Amino acid sequence: HAQSSQYWPRCEAFYRQIISLPLFPRMTNAEQDEVVK
């Protein structure tokens, strides 16, 4: 999909910052405590 002639600055900045943490309905509080720890 490379489009070197265009630039999406907000997306670029957003991508450099993001991480997805564990999240699912059967996640226990203990598991979440471990993530935060």
All heavy atoms as atom14 arrays in JSON, in Angstrom:
{
  "sequence": "HAQSSQYWPRCEAFYRQIISLPLFPRMTNAEQDEVVK",
  "atom14_mask": [
    [1, 1, 1, 1, 1, 1, 1, 1, 1, 1, 0, 0, 0, 0],
    [1, 1, 1, 1, 1, 0, 0, 0, 0, 0, 0, 0, 0, 0],
    [1, 1, 1, 1, 1, 1, 1, 1, 1, 0, 0, 0, 0, 0],
    [1, 1, 1, 1, 1, 1, 0, 0, 0, 0, 0, 0, 0, 0],
    [1, 1, 1, 1, 1, 1, 0, 0, 0, 0, 0, 0, 0, 0],
    [1, 1, 1, 1, 1, 1, 1, 1, 1, 0, 0, 0, 0, 0],
    [1, 1, 1, 1, 1, 1, 1, 1, 1, 1, 1, 1, 0, 0],
    [1, 1, 1, 1, 1, 1, 1, 1, 1, 1, 1, 1, 1, 1],
    [1, 1, 1, 1, 1, 1, 1, 0, 0, 0, 0, 0, 0, 0],
    [1, 1, 1, 1, 1, 1, 1, 1, 1, 1, 1, 0, 0, 0],
    [1, 1, 1, 1, 1, 1, 0, 0, 0, 0, 0, 0, 0, 0],
    [1, 1, 1, 1, 1, 1, 1, 1, 1, 0, 0, 0, 0, 0],
    [1, 1, 1, 1, 1, 0, 0, 0, 0, 0, 0, 0, 0, 0],
    [1, 1, 1, 1, 1, 1, 1, 1, 1, 1, 1, 0, 0, 0],
    [1, 1, 1, 1, 1, 1, 1, 1, 1, 1, 1, 1, 0, 0],
    [1, 1, 1, 1, 1, 1, 1, 1, 1, 1, 1, 0, 0, 0],
    [1, 1, 1, 1, 1, 1, 1, 1, 1, 0, 0, 0, 0, 0],
    [1, 1, 1, 1, 1, 1, 1, 1, 0, 0, 0, 0, 0, 0],
    [1, 1, 1, 1, 1, 1, 1, 1, 0, 0, 0, 0, 0, 0],
    [1, 1, 1, 1, 1, 1, 0, 0, 0, 0, 0, 0, 0, 0],
    [1, 1, 1, 1, 1, 1, 1, 1, 0, 0, 0, 0, 0, 0],
    [1, 1, 1, 1, 1, 1, 1, 0, 0, 0, 0, 0, 0, 0],
    [1, 1, 1, 1, 1, 1, 1, 1, 0, 0, 0, 0, 0, 0],
    [1, 1, 1, 1, 1, 1, 1, 1, 1, 1, 1, 0, 0, 0],
    [1, 1, 1, 1, 1, 1, 1, 0, 0, 0, 0, 0, 0, 0],
    [1, 1, 1, 1, 1, 1, 1, 1, 1, 1, 1, 0, 0, 0],
    [1, 1, 1, 1, 1, 1, 1, 1, 0, 0, 0, 0, 0, 0],
    [1, 1, 1, 1, 1, 1, 1, 0, 0, 0, 0, 0, 0, 0],
    [1, 1, 1, 1, 1, 1, 1, 1, 0, 0, 0, 0, 0, 0],
    [1, 1, 1, 1, 1, 0, 0, 0, 0, 0, 0, 0, 0, 0],
    [1, 1, 1, 1, 1, 1, 1, 1, 1, 0, 0, 0, 0, 0],
    [1, 1, 1, 1, 1, 1, 1, 1, 1, 0, 0, 0, 0, 0],
    [1, 1, 1, 1, 1, 1, 1, 1, 0, 0, 0, 0, 0, 0],
    [1, 1, 1, 1, 1, 1, 1, 1, 1, 0, 0, 0, 0, 0],
    [1, 1, 1, 1, 1, 1, 1, 0, 0, 0, 0, 0, 0, 0],
    [1, 1, 1, 1, 1, 1, 1, 0, 0, 0, 0, 0, 0, 0],
    [1, 1, 1, 1, 1, 1, 1, 1, 1, 0, 0, 0, 0, 0]
  ],
  "atom14_positions": [
    [[0.8, -1.22, 0.0], [0.0, 0.0, 0.0], [0.84, 1.27, 0.0], [0.3, 2.37, 0.14], [-0.91, 0.04, 1.23], [-2.01, -0.96, 1.21], [-3.26, -0.7, 0.69], [-2.07, -2.24, 1.65], [-4.02, -1.76, 0.82], [-3.32, -2.72, 1.39], [0.0, 0.0, 0.0], [0.0, 0.0, 0.0], [0.0, 0.0, 0.0], [0.0, 0.0, 0.0]],
    [[2.16, 1.14, -0.08], [3.05, 2.28, 0.13], [2.66, 3.48, -0.72], [2.49, 3.38, -1.93], [4.49, 1.88, -0.18], [0.0, 0.0, 0.0], [0.0, 0.0, 0.0], [0.0, 0.0, 0.0], [0.0, 0.0, 0.0], [0.0, 0.0, 0.0], [0.0, 0.0, 0.0], [0.0, 0.0, 0.0], [0.0, 0.0, 0.0], [0.0, 0.0, 0.0]],
    [[2.49, 4.63, -0.05], [2.17, 5.89, -0.73], [3.13, 6.95, -0.19], [2.79, 7.73, 0.69], [0.72, 6.3, -0.47], [-0.29, 5.29, -1.0], [-1.71, 5.8, -0.89], [-1.97, 6.97, -1.1], [-2.63, 4.93, -0.55], [0.0, 0.0, 0.0], [0.0, 0.0, 0.0], [0.0, 0.0, 0.0], [0.0, 0.0, 0.0], [0.0, 0.0, 0.0]],
    [[4.35, 6.93, -0.68], [5.4, 7.78, -0.13], [5.16, 9.27, -0.36], [5.73, 10.1, 0.33], [6.75, 7.39, -0.74], [6.71, 7.51, -2.15], [0.0, 0.0, 0.0], [0.0, 0.0, 0.0], [0.0, 0.0, 0.0], [0.0, 0.0, 0.0], [0.0, 0.0, 0.0], [0.0, 0.0, 0.0], [0.0, 0.0, 0.0], [0.0, 0.0, 0.0]],
    [[4.31, 9.61, -1.31], [4.07, 11.01, -1.62], [3.08, 11.67, -0.66], [2.89, 12.88, -0.7], [3.55, 11.16, -3.05], [2.3, 10.5, -3.19], [0.0, 0.0, 0.0], [0.0, 0.0, 0.0], [0.0, 0.0, 0.0], [0.0, 0.0, 0.0], [0.0, 0.0, 0.0], [0.0, 0.0, 0.0], [0.0, 0.0, 0.0], [0.0, 0.0, 0.0]],
    [[2.44, 10.88, 0.2], [1.47, 11.44, 1.13], [1.86, 11.11, 2.56], [2.62, 10.19, 2.82], [0.07, 10.88, 0.82], [-0.44, 11.26, -0.55], [-1.91, 10.96, -0.7], [-2.73, 11.37, 0.1], [-2.25, 10.23, -1.74], [0.0, 0.0, 0.0], [0.0, 0.0, 0.0], [0.0, 0.0, 0.0], [0.0, 0.0, 0.0], [0.0, 0.0, 0.0]],
    [[1.29, 11.88, 3.49], [1.67, 11.77, 4.89], [0.46, 12.08, 5.75], [-0.25, 13.06, 5.48], [2.83, 12.74, 5.17], [3.38, 12.66, 6.57], [4.0, 11.51, 7.03], [3.31, 13.76, 7.43], [4.54, 11.44, 8.3], [3.84, 13.71, 8.71], [4.46, 12.54, 9.14], [4.98, 12.48, 10.41], [0.0, 0.0, 0.0], [0.0, 0.0, 0.0]],
    [[0.23, 11.29, 6.76], [-0.88, 11.49, 7.68], [-0.28, 11.71, 9.06], [-0.05, 10.74, 9.81], [-1.83, 10.3, 7.63], [-2.54, 10.21, 6.31], [-3.74, 10.78, 6.0], [-2.08, 9.58, 5.12], [-4.06, 10.52, 4.68], [-3.06, 9.78, 4.12], [-0.95, 8.84, 4.78], [-2.94, 9.29, 2.82], [-0.81, 8.36, 3.5], [-1.79, 8.57, 2.54]],
    [[0.01, 12.96, 9.42], [0.82, 13.24, 10.61], [0.21, 12.76, 11.93], [0.93, 12.28, 12.8], [0.97, 14.76, 10.59], [-0.11, 15.25, 9.7], [-0.35, 14.18, 8.7], [0.0, 0.0, 0.0], [0.0, 0.0, 0.0], [0.0, 0.0, 0.0], [0.0, 0.0, 0.0], [0.0, 0.0, 0.0], [0.0, 0.0, 0.0], [0.0, 0.0, 0.0]],
    [[-1.12, 12.9, 12.07], [-1.73, 12.47, 13.33], [-1.65, 10.96, 13.48], [-1.36, 10.46, 14.57], [-3.19, 12.93, 13.38], [-3.38, 14.43, 13.4], [-4.88, 14.74, 13.41], [-5.15, 16.14, 13.13], [-6.37, 16.61, 12.88], [-7.4, 15.79, 12.86], [-6.55, 17.88, 12.64], [0.0, 0.0, 0.0], [0.0, 0.0, 0.0], [0.0, 0.0, 0.0]],
    [[-1.9, 10.24, 12.41], [-1.8, 8.79, 12.45], [-0.37, 8.36, 12.76], [-0.14, 7.44, 13.55], [-2.26, 8.18, 11.12], [-2.2, 6.38, 11.07], [0.0, 0.0, 0.0], [0.0, 0.0, 0.0], [0.0, 0.0, 0.0], [0.0, 0.0, 0.0], [0.0, 0.0, 0.0], [0.0, 0.0, 0.0], [0.0, 0.0, 0.0], [0.0, 0.0, 0.0]],
    [[0.58, 9.04, 12.14], [1.99, 8.7, 12.33], [2.39, 8.88, 13.8], [3.04, 8.01, 14.4], [2.86, 9.58, 11.43], [4.25, 9.06, 11.2], [4.3, 7.85, 10.3], [3.33, 7.62, 9.53], [5.29, 7.12, 10.38], [0.0, 0.0, 0.0], [0.0, 0.0, 0.0], [0.0, 0.0, 0.0], [0.0, 0.0, 0.0], [0.0, 0.0, 0.0]],
    [[1.99, 9.99, 14.39], [2.31, 10.25, 15.79], [1.59, 9.26, 16.71], [2.18, 8.76, 17.69], [1.92, 11.68, 16.15], [0.0, 0.0, 0.0], [0.0, 0.0, 0.0], [0.0, 0.0, 0.0], [0.0, 0.0, 0.0], [0.0, 0.0, 0.0], [0.0, 0.0, 0.0], [0.0, 0.0, 0.0], [0.0, 0.0, 0.0], [0.0, 0.0, 0.0]],
    [[0.35, 8.98, 16.41], [-0.45, 8.04, 17.2], [0.19, 6.65, 17.19], [0.36, 6.02, 18.25], [-1.86, 7.99, 16.6], [-2.88, 7.25, 17.43], [-3.63, 7.91, 18.39], [-3.12, 5.9, 17.22], [-4.59, 7.25, 19.13], [-4.07, 5.23, 17.96], [-4.81, 5.9, 18.92], [0.0, 0.0, 0.0], [0.0, 0.0, 0.0], [0.0, 0.0, 0.0]],
    [[0.57, 6.2, 16.02], [1.18, 4.86, 15.89], [2.44, 4.73, 16.72], [2.69, 3.68, 17.32], [1.49, 4.58, 14.41], [2.4, 3.4, 14.21], [2.0, 2.11, 14.58], [3.67, 3.57, 13.65], [2.85, 1.02, 14.41], [4.51, 2.48, 13.46], [4.1, 1.22, 13.85], [4.94, 0.15, 13.68], [0.0, 0.0, 0.0], [0.0, 0.0, 0.0]],
    [[3.24, 5.77, 16.81], [4.51, 5.71, 17.55], [4.3, 5.6, 19.06], [5.25, 5.32, 19.79], [5.37, 6.92, 17.23], [5.93, 6.92, 15.81], [7.09, 7.9, 15.67], [6.68, 9.27, 15.91], [6.31, 10.12, 14.94], [6.29, 9.71, 13.68], [5.97, 11.36, 15.24], [0.0, 0.0, 0.0], [0.0, 0.0, 0.0], [0.0, 0.0, 0.0]],
    [[3.07, 5.81, 19.52], [2.81, 5.85, 20.96], [2.01, 4.66, 21.5], [1.99, 4.45, 22.71], [2.04, 7.12, 21.31], [2.8, 8.42, 21.08], [1.92, 9.61, 21.42], [1.17, 10.1, 20.59], [2.0, 10.06, 22.66], [0.0, 0.0, 0.0], [0.0, 0.0, 0.0], [0.0, 0.0, 0.0], [0.0, 0.0, 0.0], [0.0, 0.0, 0.0]],
    [[1.34, 3.9, 20.64], [0.29, 3.0, 21.14], [0.77, 1.58, 21.46], [1.65, 1.04, 20.8], [-0.89, 2.91, 20.15], [-0.39, 2.55, 18.74], [-1.69, 4.19, 20.17], [-1.51, 2.29, 17.74], [0.0, 0.0, 0.0], [0.0, 0.0, 0.0], [0.0, 0.0, 0.0], [0.0, 0.0, 0.0], [0.0, 0.0, 0.0], [0.0, 0.0, 0.0]],
    [[0.17, 1.01, 22.49], [0.29, -0.4, 22.84], [-1.09, -0.87, 23.32], [-1.77, -0.15, 24.06], [1.32, -0.64, 23.96], [2.73, -0.27, 23.5], [1.3, -2.08, 24.44], [3.79, -0.45, 24.57], [0.0, 0.0, 0.0], [0.0, 0.0, 0.0], [0.0, 0.0, 0.0], [0.0, 0.0, 0.0], [0.0, 0.0, 0.0], [0.0, 0.0, 0.0]],
    [[-1.48, -2.06, 22.92], [-2.73, -2.66, 23.41], [-2.41, -3.61, 24.56], [-1.62, -4.54, 24.4], [-3.45, -3.42, 22.29], [-3.82, -2.55, 21.25], [0.0, 0.0, 0.0], [0.0, 0.0, 0.0], [0.0, 0.0, 0.0], [0.0, 0.0, 0.0], [0.0, 0.0, 0.0], [0.0, 0.0, 0.0], [0.0, 0.0, 0.0], [0.0, 0.0, 0.0]],
    [[-3.04, -3.36, 25.7], [-2.88, -4.23, 26.87], [-3.93, -5.35, 26.84], [-4.93, -5.25, 26.13], [-3.05, -3.4, 28.15], [-2.06, -2.26, 28.37], [-2.4, -1.53, 29.67], [-0.63, -2.77, 28.39], [0.0, 0.0, 0.0], [0.0, 0.0, 0.0], [0.0, 0.0, 0.0], [0.0, 0.0, 0.0], [0.0, 0.0, 0.0], [0.0, 0.0, 0.0]],
    [[-3.73, -6.41, 27.61], [-4.72, -7.49, 27.65], [-6.1, -7.01, 28.09], [-6.23, -6.23, 29.03], [-4.13, -8.46, 28.68], [-2.66, -8.25, 28.59], [-2.52, -6.76, 28.37], [0.0, 0.0, 0.0], [0.0, 0.0, 0.0], [0.0, 0.0, 0.0], [0.0, 0.0, 0.0], [0.0, 0.0, 0.0], [0.0, 0.0, 0.0], [0.0, 0.0, 0.0]],
    [[-7.12, -7.47, 27.38], [-8.51, -7.17, 27.72], [-9.41, -8.2, 27.08], [-9.41, -8.36, 25.86], [-8.9, -5.77, 27.22], [-10.33, -5.33, 27.53], [-10.5, -5.1, 29.03], [-10.7, -4.06, 26.75], [0.0, 0.0, 0.0], [0.0, 0.0, 0.0], [0.0, 0.0, 0.0], [0.0, 0.0, 0.0], [0.0, 0.0, 0.0], [0.0, 0.0, 0.0]],
    [[-10.17, -8.91, 27.91], [-11.14, -9.89, 27.42], [-12.09, -10.2, 28.57], [-11.73, -10.05, 29.75], [-10.44, -11.17, 26.92], [-9.33, -11.68, 27.79], [-9.56, -12.66, 28.74], [-8.05, -11.16, 27.68], [-8.54, -13.13, 29.55], [-7.01, -11.62, 28.47], [-7.25, -12.61, 29.42], [0.0, 0.0, 0.0], [0.0, 0.0, 0.0], [0.0, 0.0, 0.0]],
    [[-13.34, -10.59, 28.29], [-14.35, -10.69, 29.35], [-14.01, -11.66, 30.48], [-14.37, -11.41, 31.63], [-15.61, -11.16, 28.59], [-15.4, -10.68, 27.2], [-13.93, -10.77, 26.95], [0.0, 0.0, 0.0], [0.0, 0.0, 0.0], [0.0, 0.0, 0.0], [0.0, 0.0, 0.0], [0.0, 0.0, 0.0], [0.0, 0.0, 0.0], [0.0, 0.0, 0.0]],
    [[-13.32, -12.75, 30.19], [-13.01, -13.71, 31.26], [-11.7, -13.38, 31.98], [-11.23, -14.15, 32.82], [-12.94, -15.14, 30.7], [-11.85, -15.39, 29.69], [-11.92, -16.84, 29.18], [-10.92, -17.09, 28.15], [-9.67, -17.5, 28.38], [-9.27, -17.7, 29.63], [-8.84, -17.71, 27.39], [0.0, 0.0, 0.0], [0.0, 0.0, 0.0], [0.0, 0.0, 0.0]],
    [[-11.13, -12.22, 31.66], [-9.95, -11.75, 32.38], [-10.3, -11.54, 33.85], [-11.29, -10.91, 34.19], [-9.46, -10.44, 31.77], [-8.16, -9.93, 32.34], [-7.67, -8.35, 31.57], [-5.97, -8.26, 32.09], [0.0, 0.0, 0.0], [0.0, 0.0, 0.0], [0.0, 0.0, 0.0], [0.0, 0.0, 0.0], [0.0, 0.0, 0.0], [0.0, 0.0, 0.0]],
    [[-9.47, -12.08, 34.74], [-9.72, -11.94, 36.17], [-9.08, -10.68, 36.71], [-8.17, -10.11, 36.1], [-9.16, -13.15, 36.93], [-7.72, -13.15, 36.81], [-9.72, -14.46, 36.39], [0.0, 0.0, 0.0], [0.0, 0.0, 0.0], [0.0, 0.0, 0.0], [0.0, 0.0, 0.0], [0.0, 0.0, 0.0], [0.0, 0.0, 0.0], [0.0, 0.0, 0.0]],
    [[-9.55, -10.25, 37.87], [-8.92, -9.1, 38.52], [-7.46, -9.39, 38.84], [-6.6, -8.5, 38.77], [-9.68, -8.74, 39.8], [-11.01, -8.06, 39.51], [-11.37, -7.83, 38.36], [-11.76, -7.77, 40.55], [0.0, 0.0, 0.0], [0.0, 0.0, 0.0], [0.0, 0.0, 0.0], [0.0, 0.0, 0.0], [0.0, 0.0, 0.0], [0.0, 0.0, 0.0]],
    [[-7.17, -10.64, 39.2], [-5.79, -11.01, 39.51], [-4.89, -10.88, 38.27], [-3.74, -10.42, 38.37], [-5.74, -12.44, 40.05], [0.0, 0.0, 0.0], [0.0, 0.0, 0.0], [0.0, 0.0, 0.0], [0.0, 0.0, 0.0], [0.0, 0.0, 0.0], [0.0, 0.0, 0.0], [0.0, 0.0, 0.0], [0.0, 0.0, 0.0], [0.0, 0.0, 0.0]],
    [[-5.41, -11.27, 37.12], [-4.64, -11.11, 35.89], [-4.42, -9.64, 35.58], [-3.32, -9.23, 35.17], [-5.36, -11.79, 34.72], [-5.31, -13.31, 34.78], [-6.14, -13.97, 33.69], [-7.24, -13.47, 33.41], [-5.69, -14.99, 33.15], [0.0, 0.0, 0.0], [0.0, 0.0, 0.0], [0.0, 0.0, 0.0], [0.0, 0.0, 0.0], [0.0, 0.0, 0.0]],
    [[-5.45, -8.84, 35.78], [-5.31, -7.41, 35.54], [-4.32, -6.78, 36.52], [-3.51, -5.92, 36.15], [-6.67, -6.71, 35.62], [-6.64, -5.29, 35.12], [-8.0, -4.65, 35.09], [-8.82, -4.86, 36.0], [-8.28, -3.87, 34.05], [0.0, 0.0, 0.0], [0.0, 0.0, 0.0], [0.0, 0.0, 0.0], [0.0, 0.0, 0.0], [0.0, 0.0, 0.0]],
    [[-4.36, -7.23, 37.78], [-3.41, -6.75, 38.77], [-1.97, -7.04, 38.32], [-1.07, -6.21, 38.52], [-3.66, -7.43, 40.12], [-4.96, -6.99, 40.77], [-5.52, -5.95, 40.35], [-5.42, -7.69, 41.7], [0.0, 0.0, 0.0], [0.0, 0.0, 0.0], [0.0, 0.0, 0.0], [0.0, 0.0, 0.0], [0.0, 0.0, 0.0], [0.0, 0.0, 0.0]],
    [[-1.76, -8.22, 37.73], [-0.43, -8.59, 37.27], [0.03, -7.67, 36.13], [1.2, -7.25, 36.09], [-0.43, -10.05, 36.8], [0.9, -10.56, 36.28], [2.0, -10.58, 37.33], [1.68, -10.55, 38.54], [3.17, -10.62, 36.93], [0.0, 0.0, 0.0], [0.0, 0.0, 0.0], [0.0, 0.0, 0.0], [0.0, 0.0, 0.0], [0.0, 0.0, 0.0]],
    [[-0.88, -7.34, 35.21], [-0.54, -6.43, 34.12], [-0.11, -5.08, 34.69], [0.93, -4.52, 34.29], [-1.73, -6.24, 33.16], [-1.4, -5.18, 32.1], [-2.09, -7.56, 32.49], [0.0, 0.0, 0.0], [0.0, 0.0, 0.0], [0.0, 0.0, 0.0], [0.0, 0.0, 0.0], [0.0, 0.0, 0.0], [0.0, 0.0, 0.0], [0.0, 0.0, 0.0]],
    [[-0.88, -4.54, 35.62], [-0.57, -3.24, 36.2], [0.73, -3.3, 37.0], [1.55, -2.36, 36.95], [-1.74, -2.76, 37.08], [-1.37, -1.45, 37.8], [-2.99, -2.54, 36.23], [0.0, 0.0, 0.0], [0.0, 0.0, 0.0], [0.0, 0.0, 0.0], [0.0, 0.0, 0.0], [0.0, 0.0, 0.0], [0.0, 0.0, 0.0], [0.0, 0.0, 0.0]],
    [[0.95, -4.38, 37.71], [2.2, -4.54, 38.47], [3.41, -4.47, 37.54], [4.41, -3.79, 37.85], [2.18, -5.87, 39.21], [3.46, -6.2, 39.96], [3.42, -7.6, 40.53], [4.77, -8.0, 41.11], [4.79, -9.42, 41.57], [0.0, 0.0, 0.0], [0.0, 0.0, 0.0], [0.0, 0.0, 0.0], [0.0, 0.0, 0.0], [0.0, 0.0, 0.0]]
  ]
}
